Amino acid sequence: MATTTETGIPARELDDSALERELERLHETRHETFLNGSGDALQVHTERMLALEEEYARRFPERTSPDTMRTREGSRAMDGRGD
């Protein structure tokens, strides 16, 4: 995904701990930016958050796979509608 405004070090260039730290900080500030930031601030925040999330998912697919019970198949199996 190409960004229109690049802020900070590109996600692919961050080491694992910096990527996790920056992603955590963005998640912490998301609500405040959504409620009180300008349209431009929200757009930049969104682009950066998506870039970091995509990189995190690329590096750690096992950490970002959905919980079985949060999928339709898992939910159906739990209530006896499996197969």
PDB file of N, CA and C in Angstrom:
ATOM      1  N   MET A   1       0.846  -1.183   0.000  1.00  0.00           N
ATOM      2  CA  MET A   1       0.000   0.000   0.000  1.00  0.00           C
ATOM      3  C   MET A   1       0.882   1.234   0.000  1.00  0.00           C
ATOM      4  N   ALA A   2       0.745   2.087  -0.959  1.00  0.00           N
ATOM      5  CA  ALA A   2       1.523   3.312  -1.019  1.00  0.00           C
ATOM      6  C   ALA A   2       0.855   4.374  -0.162  1.00  0.00           C
ATOM      7  N   THR A   3       1.675   5.139   0.528  1.00  0.00           N
ATOM      8  CA  THR A   3       1.114   6.195   1.363  1.00  0.00           C
ATOM      9  C   THR A   3       1.311   7.533   0.682  1.00  0.00           C
ATOM     10  N   THR A   4       0.410   8.448   0.951  1.00  0.00           N
ATOM     11  CA  THR A   4       0.536   9.779   0.377  1.00  0.00           C
ATOM     12  C   THR A   4       1.438  10.647   1.234  1.00  0.00           C
ATOM     13  N   THR A   5       1.528  10.340   2.503  1.00  0.00           N
ATOM     14  CA  THR A   5       2.365  11.097   3.414  1.00  0.00           C
ATOM     15  C   THR A   5       3.170  10.128   4.255  1.00  0.00           C
ATOM     16  N   GLU A   6       4.472  10.126   4.097  1.00  0.00           N
ATOM     17  CA  GLU A   6       5.321   9.217   4.860  1.00  0.00           C
ATOM     18  C   GLU A   6       5.777   9.932   6.129  1.00  0.00           C
ATOM     19  N   THR A   7       5.526   9.321   7.268  1.00  0.00           N
ATOM     20  CA  THR A   7       5.993   9.870   8.530  1.00  0.00           C
ATOM     21  C   THR A   7       6.788   8.809   9.245  1.00  0.00           C
ATOM     22  N   GLY A   8       7.875   9.217   9.848  1.00  0.00           N
ATOM     23  CA  GLY A   8       8.685   8.269  10.594  1.00  0.00           C
ATOM     24  C   GLY A   8       9.488   7.360   9.682  1.00  0.00           C
ATOM     25  N   ILE A   9      10.183   6.444  10.311  1.00  0.00           N
ATOM     26  CA  ILE A   9      10.978   5.457   9.594  1.00  0.00           C
ATOM     27  C   ILE A   9      10.035   4.484   8.905  1.00  0.00           C
ATOM     28  N   PRO A  10      10.292   4.134   7.643  1.00  0.00           N
ATOM     29  CA  PRO A  10       9.424   3.163   6.985  1.00  0.00           C
ATOM     30  C   PRO A  10       9.303   1.885   7.816  1.00  0.00           C
ATOM     31  N   ALA A  11       8.115   1.327   7.849  1.00  0.00           N
ATOM     32  CA  ALA A  11       7.831   0.168   8.693  1.00  0.00           C
ATOM     33  C   ALA A  11       8.805  -0.982   8.452  1.00  0.00           C
ATOM     34  N   ARG A  12       9.150  -1.242   7.210  1.00  0.00           N
ATOM     35  CA  ARG A  12      10.061  -2.352   6.893  1.00  0.00           C
ATOM     36  C   ARG A  12      11.460  -2.144   7.456  1.00  0.00           C
ATOM     37  N   GLU A  13      11.812  -0.909   7.761  1.00  0.00           N
ATOM     38  CA  GLU A  13      13.149  -0.618   8.270  1.00  0.00           C
ATOM     39  C   GLU A  13      13.235  -0.664   9.792  1.00  0.00           C
ATOM     40  N   LEU A  14      12.113  -0.751  10.480  1.00  0.00           N
ATOM     41  CA  LEU A  14      12.116  -0.816  11.940  1.00  0.00           C
ATOM     42  C   LEU A  14      12.512  -2.207  12.401  1.00  0.00           C
ATOM     43  N   ASP A  15      13.277  -2.283  13.498  1.00  0.00           N
ATOM     44  CA  ASP A  15      13.528  -3.608  14.054  1.00  0.00           C
ATOM     45  C   ASP A  15      12.258  -4.051  14.771  1.00  0.00           C
ATOM     46  N   ASP A  16      12.217  -5.315  15.159  1.00  0.00           N
ATOM     47  CA  ASP A  16      10.988  -5.879  15.721  1.00  0.00           C
ATOM     48  C   ASP A  16      10.479  -5.113  16.934  1.00  0.00           C
ATOM     49  N   SER A  17      11.366  -4.765  17.856  1.00  0.00           N
ATOM     50  CA  SER A  17      10.899  -4.083  19.071  1.00  0.00           C
ATOM     51  C   SER A  17      10.411  -2.673  18.764  1.00  0.00           C
ATOM     52  N   ALA A  18      11.064  -1.974  17.856  1.00  0.00           N
ATOM     53  CA  ALA A  18      10.611  -0.630  17.478  1.00  0.00           C
ATOM     54  C   ALA A  18       9.264  -0.702  16.763  1.00  0.00           C
ATOM     55  N   LEU A  19       9.088  -1.711  15.925  1.00  0.00           N
ATOM     56  CA  LEU A  19       7.808  -1.892  15.234  1.00  0.00           C
ATOM     57  C   LEU A  19       6.692  -2.118  16.243  1.00  0.00           C
ATOM     58  N   GLU A  20       6.925  -2.991  17.204  1.00  0.00           N
ATOM     59  CA  GLU A  20       5.903  -3.266  18.221  1.00  0.00           C
ATOM     60  C   GLU A  20       5.605  -2.025  19.061  1.00  0.00           C
ATOM     61  N   ARG A  21       6.637  -1.300  19.465  1.00  0.00           N
ATOM     62  CA  ARG A  21       6.461  -0.080  20.270  1.00  0.00           C
ATOM     63  C   ARG A  21       5.648   0.962  19.520  1.00  0.00           C
ATOM     64  N   GLU A  22       6.025   1.200  18.270  1.00  0.00           N
ATOM     65  CA  GLU A  22       5.341   2.236  17.497  1.00  0.00           C
ATOM     66  C   GLU A  22       3.889   1.844  17.212  1.00  0.00           C
ATOM     67  N   LEU A  23       3.662   0.577  16.912  1.00  0.00           N
ATOM     68  CA  LEU A  23       2.301   0.111  16.662  1.00  0.00           C
ATOM     69  C   LEU A  23       1.452   0.236  17.923  1.00  0.00           C
ATOM     70  N   GLU A  24       2.001  -0.138  19.047  1.00  0.00           N
ATOM     71  CA  GLU A  24       1.267  -0.005  20.309  1.00  0.00           C
ATOM     72  C   GLU A  24       0.922   1.458  20.590  1.00  0.00           C
ATOM     73  N   ARG A  25       1.856   2.349  20.373  1.00  0.00           N
ATOM     74  CA  ARG A  25       1.615   3.777  20.614  1.00  0.00           C
ATOM     75  C   ARG A  25       0.522   4.315  19.684  1.00  0.00           C
ATOM     76  N   LEU A  26       0.552   3.900  18.432  1.00  0.00           N
ATOM     77  CA  LEU A  26      -0.485   4.353  17.507  1.00  0.00           C
ATOM     78  C   LEU A  26      -1.861   3.849  17.914  1.00  0.00           C
ATOM     79  N   HIS A  27      -1.921   2.618  18.372  1.00  0.00           N
ATOM     80  CA  HIS A  27      -3.213   2.102  18.836  1.00  0.00           C
ATOM     81  C   HIS A  27      -3.695   2.878  20.063  1.00  0.00           C
ATOM     82  N   GLU A  28      -2.766   3.260  20.931  1.00  0.00           N
ATOM     83  CA  GLU A  28      -3.137   4.041  22.121  1.00  0.00           C
ATOM     84  C   GLU A  28      -3.673   5.419  21.753  1.00  0.00           C
ATOM     85  N   THR A  29      -3.168   6.012  20.686  1.00  0.00           N
ATOM     86  CA  THR A  29      -3.563   7.378  20.323  1.00  0.00           C
ATOM     87  C   THR A  29      -4.681   7.437  19.283  1.00  0.00           C
ATOM     88  N   ARG A  30      -5.148   6.278  18.822  1.00  0.00           N
ATOM     89  CA  ARG A  30      -6.135   6.252  17.755  1.00  0.00           C
ATOM     90  C   ARG A  30      -7.435   6.970  18.119  1.00  0.00           C
ATOM     91  N   HIS A  31      -7.979   6.657  19.270  1.00  0.00           N
ATOM     92  CA  HIS A  31      -9.269   7.242  19.660  1.00  0.00           C
ATOM     93  C   HIS A  31      -9.168   8.767  19.774  1.00  0.00           C
ATOM     94  N   GLU A  32      -8.136   9.234  20.387  1.00  0.00           N
ATOM     95  CA  GLU A  32      -7.943  10.690  20.529  1.00  0.00           C
ATOM     96  C   GLU A  32      -7.816  11.354  19.161  1.00  0.00           C
ATOM     97  N   THR A  33      -7.073  10.752  18.268  1.00  0.00           N
ATOM     98  CA  THR A  33      -6.915  11.314  16.926  1.00  0.00           C
ATOM     99  C   THR A  33      -8.237  11.304  16.180  1.00  0.00           C
ATOM    100  N   PHE A  34      -8.985  10.223  16.322  1.00  0.00           N
ATOM    101  CA  PHE A  34     -10.290  10.115  15.657  1.00  0.00           C
ATOM    102  C   PHE A  34     -11.246  11.202  16.143  1.00  0.00           C
ATOM    103  N   LEU A  35     -11.289  11.401  17.462  1.00  0.00           N
ATOM    104  CA  LEU A  35     -12.238  12.364  18.025  1.00  0.00           C
ATOM    105  C   LEU A  35     -11.802  13.812  17.865  1.00  0.00           C
ATOM    106  N   ASN A  36     -10.514  14.073  18.004  1.00  0.00           N
ATOM    107  CA  ASN A  36     -10.069  15.457  18.106  1.00  0.00           C
ATOM    108  C   ASN A  36      -9.071  15.914  17.055  1.00  0.00           C
ATOM    109  N   GLY A  37      -8.591  15.010  16.217  1.00  0.00           N
ATOM    110  CA  GLY A  37      -7.615  15.396  15.206  1.00  0.00           C
ATOM    111  C   GLY A  37      -8.281  15.987  13.974  1.00  0.00           C
ATOM    112  N   SER A  38      -7.487  16.705  13.208  1.00  0.00           N
ATOM    113  CA  SER A  38      -7.994  17.223  11.932  1.00  0.00           C
ATOM    114  C   SER A  38      -8.134  16.067  10.949  1.00  0.00           C
ATOM    115  N   GLY A  39      -8.790  16.323   9.851  1.00  0.00           N
ATOM    116  CA  GLY A  39      -8.912  15.313   8.809  1.00  0.00           C
ATOM    117  C   GLY A  39      -7.550  14.845   8.312  1.00  0.00           C
ATOM    118  N   ASP A  40      -6.631  15.801   8.151  1.00  0.00           N
ATOM    119  CA  ASP A  40      -5.277  15.450   7.719  1.00  0.00           C
ATOM    120  C   ASP A  40      -4.571  14.595   8.753  1.00  0.00           C
ATOM    121  N   ALA A  41      -4.725  14.946  10.024  1.00  0.00           N
ATOM    122  CA  ALA A  41      -4.083  14.165  11.091  1.00  0.00           C
ATOM    123  C   ALA A  41      -4.619  12.742  11.121  1.00  0.00           C
ATOM    124  N   LEU A  42      -5.914  12.597  10.956  1.00  0.00           N
ATOM    125  CA  LEU A  42      -6.519  11.265  10.947  1.00  0.00           C
ATOM    126  C   LEU A  42      -6.034  10.454   9.743  1.00  0.00           C
ATOM    127  N   GLN A  43      -5.921  11.099   8.598  1.00  0.00           N
ATOM    128  CA  GLN A  43      -5.438  10.397   7.405  1.00  0.00           C
ATOM    129  C   GLN A  43      -3.995   9.923   7.594  1.00  0.00           C
ATOM    130  N   VAL A  44      -3.130  10.784   8.110  1.00  0.00           N
ATOM    131  CA  VAL A  44      -1.735  10.413   8.334  1.00  0.00           C
ATOM    132  C   VAL A  44      -1.652   9.295   9.372  1.00  0.00           C
ATOM    133  N   HIS A  45      -2.426   9.426  10.432  1.00  0.00           N
ATOM    134  CA  HIS A  45      -2.449   8.405  11.484  1.00  0.00           C
ATOM    135  C   HIS A  45      -2.886   7.062  10.898  1.00  0.00           C
ATOM    136  N   THR A  46      -3.937   7.083  10.095  1.00  0.00           N
ATOM    137  CA  THR A  46      -4.471   5.868   9.486  1.00  0.00           C
ATOM    138  C   THR A  46      -3.440   5.224   8.563  1.00  0.00           C
ATOM    139  N   GLU A  47      -2.814   6.015   7.722  1.00  0.00           N
ATOM    140  CA  GLU A  47      -1.814   5.481   6.794  1.00  0.00           C
ATOM    141  C   GLU A  47      -0.642   4.850   7.539  1.00  0.00           C
ATOM    142  N   ARG A  48      -0.183   5.518   8.581  1.00  0.00           N
ATOM    143  CA  ARG A  48       0.943   4.987   9.351  1.00  0.00           C
ATOM    144  C   ARG A  48       0.532   3.713  10.083  1.00  0.00           C
ATOM    145  N   MET A  49      -0.649   3.726  10.671  1.00  0.00           N
ATOM    146  CA  MET A  49      -1.126   2.559  11.405  1.00  0.00           C
ATOM    147  C   MET A  49      -1.246   1.354  10.465  1.00  0.00           C
ATOM    148  N   LEU A  50      -1.814   1.553   9.284  1.00  0.00           N
ATOM    149  CA  LEU A  50      -1.961   0.460   8.331  1.00  0.00           C
ATOM    150  C   LEU A  50      -0.613  -0.062   7.860  1.00  0.00           C
ATOM    151  N   ALA A  51       0.340   0.829   7.620  1.00  0.00           N
ATOM    152  CA  ALA A  51       1.679   0.400   7.201  1.00  0.00           C
ATOM    153  C   ALA A  51       2.332  -0.441   8.287  1.00  0.00           C
ATOM    154  N   LEU A  52       2.203  -0.014   9.535  1.00  0.00           N
ATOM    155  CA  LEU A  52       2.789  -0.770  10.640  1.00  0.00           C
ATOM    156  C   LEU A  52       2.070  -2.094  10.846  1.00  0.00           C
ATOM    157  N   GLU A  53       0.751  -2.098  10.760  1.00  0.00           N
ATOM    158  CA  GLU A  53      -0.014  -3.334  10.926  1.00  0.00           C
ATOM    159  C   GLU A  53       0.312  -4.335   9.819  1.00  0.00           C
ATOM    160  N   GLU A  54       0.407  -3.865   8.597  1.00  0.00           N
ATOM    161  CA  GLU A  54       0.743  -4.758   7.487  1.00  0.00           C
ATOM    162  C   GLU A  54       2.126  -5.366   7.673  1.00  0.00           C
ATOM    163  N   GLU A  55       3.075  -4.565   8.102  1.00  0.00           N
ATOM    164  CA  GLU A  55       4.429  -5.069   8.333  1.00  0.00           C
ATOM    165  C   GLU A  55       4.446  -6.062   9.485  1.00  0.00           C
ATOM    166  N   TYR A  56       3.734  -5.751  10.543  1.00  0.00           N
ATOM    167  CA  TYR A  56       3.665  -6.657  11.693  1.00  0.00           C
ATOM    168  C   TYR A  56       3.058  -7.999  11.275  1.00  0.00           C
ATOM    169  N   ALA A  57       1.965  -7.961  10.521  1.00  0.00           N
ATOM    170  CA  ALA A  57       1.318  -9.193  10.058  1.00  0.00           C
ATOM    171  C   ALA A  57       2.235  -9.978   9.128  1.00  0.00           C
ATOM    172  N   ARG A  58       3.025  -9.277   8.327  1.00  0.00           N
ATOM    173  CA  ARG A  58       3.967  -9.955   7.431  1.00  0.00           C
ATOM    174  C   ARG A  58       5.041 -10.682   8.235  1.00  0.00           C
ATOM    175  N   ARG A  59       5.560 -10.023   9.260  1.00  0.00           N
ATOM    176  CA  ARG A  59       6.633 -10.614  10.071  1.00  0.00           C
ATOM    177  C   ARG A  59       6.132 -11.688  11.023  1.00  0.00           C
ATOM    178  N   PHE A  60       4.947 -11.499  11.538  1.00  0.00           N
ATOM    179  CA  PHE A  60       4.422 -12.378  12.594  1.00  0.00           C
ATOM    180  C   PHE A  60       3.052 -12.943  12.230  1.00  0.00           C
ATOM    181  N   PRO A  61       2.953 -13.708  11.163  1.00  0.00           N
ATOM    182  CA  PRO A  61       1.630 -14.214  10.755  1.00  0.00           C
ATOM    183  C   PRO A  61       0.981 -15.085  11.830  1.00  0.00           C
ATOM    184  N   GLU A  62       1.775 -15.784  12.610  1.00  0.00           N
ATOM    185  CA  GLU A  62       1.207 -16.636  13.660  1.00  0.00           C
ATOM    186  C   GLU A  62       0.569 -15.813  14.772  1.00  0.00           C
ATOM    187  N   ARG A  63       1.012 -14.597  14.960  1.00  0.00           N
ATOM    188  CA  ARG A  63       0.440 -13.733  16.004  1.00  0.00           C
ATOM    189  C   ARG A  63      -0.822 -13.030  15.537  1.00  0.00           C
ATOM    190  N   THR A  64      -1.025 -12.954  14.248  1.00  0.00           N
ATOM    191  CA  THR A  64      -2.155 -12.185  13.727  1.00  0.00           C
ATOM    192  C   THR A  64      -3.215 -13.055  13.059  1.00  0.00           C
ATOM    193  N   SER A  65      -3.087 -14.360  13.182  1.00  0.00           N
ATOM    194  CA  SER A  65      -4.123 -15.228  12.613  1.00  0.00           C
ATOM    195  C   SER A  65      -5.347 -15.177  13.524  1.00  0.00           C
ATOM    196  N   PRO A  66      -6.531 -15.279  12.951  1.00  0.00           N
ATOM    197  CA  PRO A  66      -7.745 -15.144  13.759  1.00  0.00           C
ATOM    198  C   PRO A  66      -7.929 -16.303  14.737  1.00  0.00           C
ATOM    199  N   ASP A  67      -8.494 -15.987  15.873  1.00  0.00           N
ATOM    200  CA  ASP A  67      -8.891 -16.997  16.842  1.00  0.00           C
ATOM    201  C   ASP A  67      -9.976 -17.841  16.185  1.00  0.00           C
ATOM    202  N   THR A  68      -9.858 -19.133  16.277  1.00  0.00           N
ATOM    203  CA  THR A  68     -10.811 -20.047  15.642  1.00  0.00           C
ATOM    204  C   THR A  68     -12.248 -19.715  16.005  1.00  0.00           C
ATOM    205  N   MET A  69     -12.486 -19.337  17.246  1.00  0.00           N
ATOM    206  CA  MET A  69     -13.849 -19.056  17.689  1.00  0.00           C
ATOM    207  C   MET A  69     -14.374 -17.719  17.155  1.00  0.00           C
ATOM    208  N   ARG A  70     -13.521 -16.937  16.511  1.00  0.00           N
ATOM    209  CA  ARG A  70     -13.963 -15.666  15.934  1.00  0.00           C
ATOM    210  C   ARG A  70     -14.212 -15.779  14.444  1.00  0.00           C
ATOM    211  N   THR A  71     -14.201 -16.995  13.940  1.00  0.00           N
ATOM    212  CA  THR A  71     -14.516 -17.225  12.535  1.00  0.00           C
ATOM    213  C   THR A  71     -15.898 -17.869  12.441  1.00  0.00           C
ATOM    214  N   ARG A  72     -16.517 -17.784  11.294  1.00  0.00           N
ATOM    215  CA  ARG A  72     -17.836 -18.413  11.117  1.00  0.00           C
ATOM    216  C   ARG A  72     -17.752 -19.908  11.345  1.00  0.00           C
ATOM    217  N   GLU A  73     -16.708 -20.527  10.786  1.00  0.00           N
ATOM    218  CA  GLU A  73     -16.564 -21.970  10.922  1.00  0.00           C
ATOM    219  C   GLU A  73     -16.428 -22.373  12.390  1.00  0.00           C
ATOM    220  N   GLY A  74     -15.593 -21.672  13.135  1.00  0.00           N
ATOM    221  CA  GLY A  74     -15.407 -21.985  14.552  1.00  0.00           C
ATOM    222  C   GLY A  74     -16.662 -21.747  15.357  1.00  0.00           C
ATOM    223  N   SER A  75     -17.368 -20.674  15.045  1.00  0.00           N
ATOM    224  CA  SER A  75     -18.610 -20.367  15.753  1.00  0.00           C
ATOM    225  C   SER A  75     -19.667 -21.426  15.490  1.00  0.00           C
ATOM    226  N   ARG A  76     -19.763 -21.858  14.251  1.00  0.00           N
ATOM    227  CA  ARG A  76     -20.738 -22.906  13.910  1.00  0.00           C
ATOM    228  C   ARG A  76     -20.399 -24.211  14.614  1.00  0.00           C
ATOM    229  N   ALA A  77     -19.114 -24.545  14.658  1.00  0.00           N
ATOM    230  CA  ALA A  77     -18.695 -25.779  15.326  1.00  0.00           C
ATOM    231  C   ALA A  77     -19.038 -25.711  16.810  1.00  0.00           C
ATOM    232  N   MET A  78     -18.880 -24.569  17.413  1.00  0.00           N
ATOM    233  CA  MET A  78     -19.147 -24.412  18.841  1.00  0.00           C
ATOM    234  C   MET A  78     -20.633 -24.614  19.159  1.00  0.00           C
ATOM    235  N   ASP A  79     -21.510 -24.131  18.295  1.00  0.00           N
ATOM    236  CA  ASP A  79     -22.936 -24.284  18.591  1.00  0.00           C
ATOM    237  C   ASP A  79     -23.556 -25.513  17.915  1.00  0.00           C
ATOM    238  N   GLY A  80     -22.709 -26.420  17.433  1.00  0.00           N
ATOM    239  CA  GLY A  80     -23.197 -27.688  16.908  1.00  0.00           C
ATOM    240  C   GLY A  80     -23.606 -27.698  15.465  1.00  0.00           C
ATOM    241  N   ARG A  81     -23.305 -26.612  14.723  1.00  0.00           N
ATOM    242  CA  ARG A  81     -23.674 -26.570  13.299  1.00  0.00           C
ATOM    243  C   ARG A  81     -22.498 -26.900  12.402  1.00  0.00           C
ATOM    244  N   GLY A  82     -21.450 -27.503  12.934  1.00  0.00           N
ATOM    245  CA  GLY A  82     -20.254 -27.809  12.136  1.00  0.00           C
ATOM    246  C   GLY A  82     -20.551 -28.697  10.955  1.00  0.00           C
ATOM    247  N   ASP A  83     -19.650 -28.651   9.969  1.00  0.00           N
ATOM    248  CA  ASP A  83     -19.729 -29.438   8.725  1.00  0.00           C
ATOM    249  C   ASP A  83     -20.874 -29.007   7.933  1.00  0.00           C
TER     250      ASP A  83
END
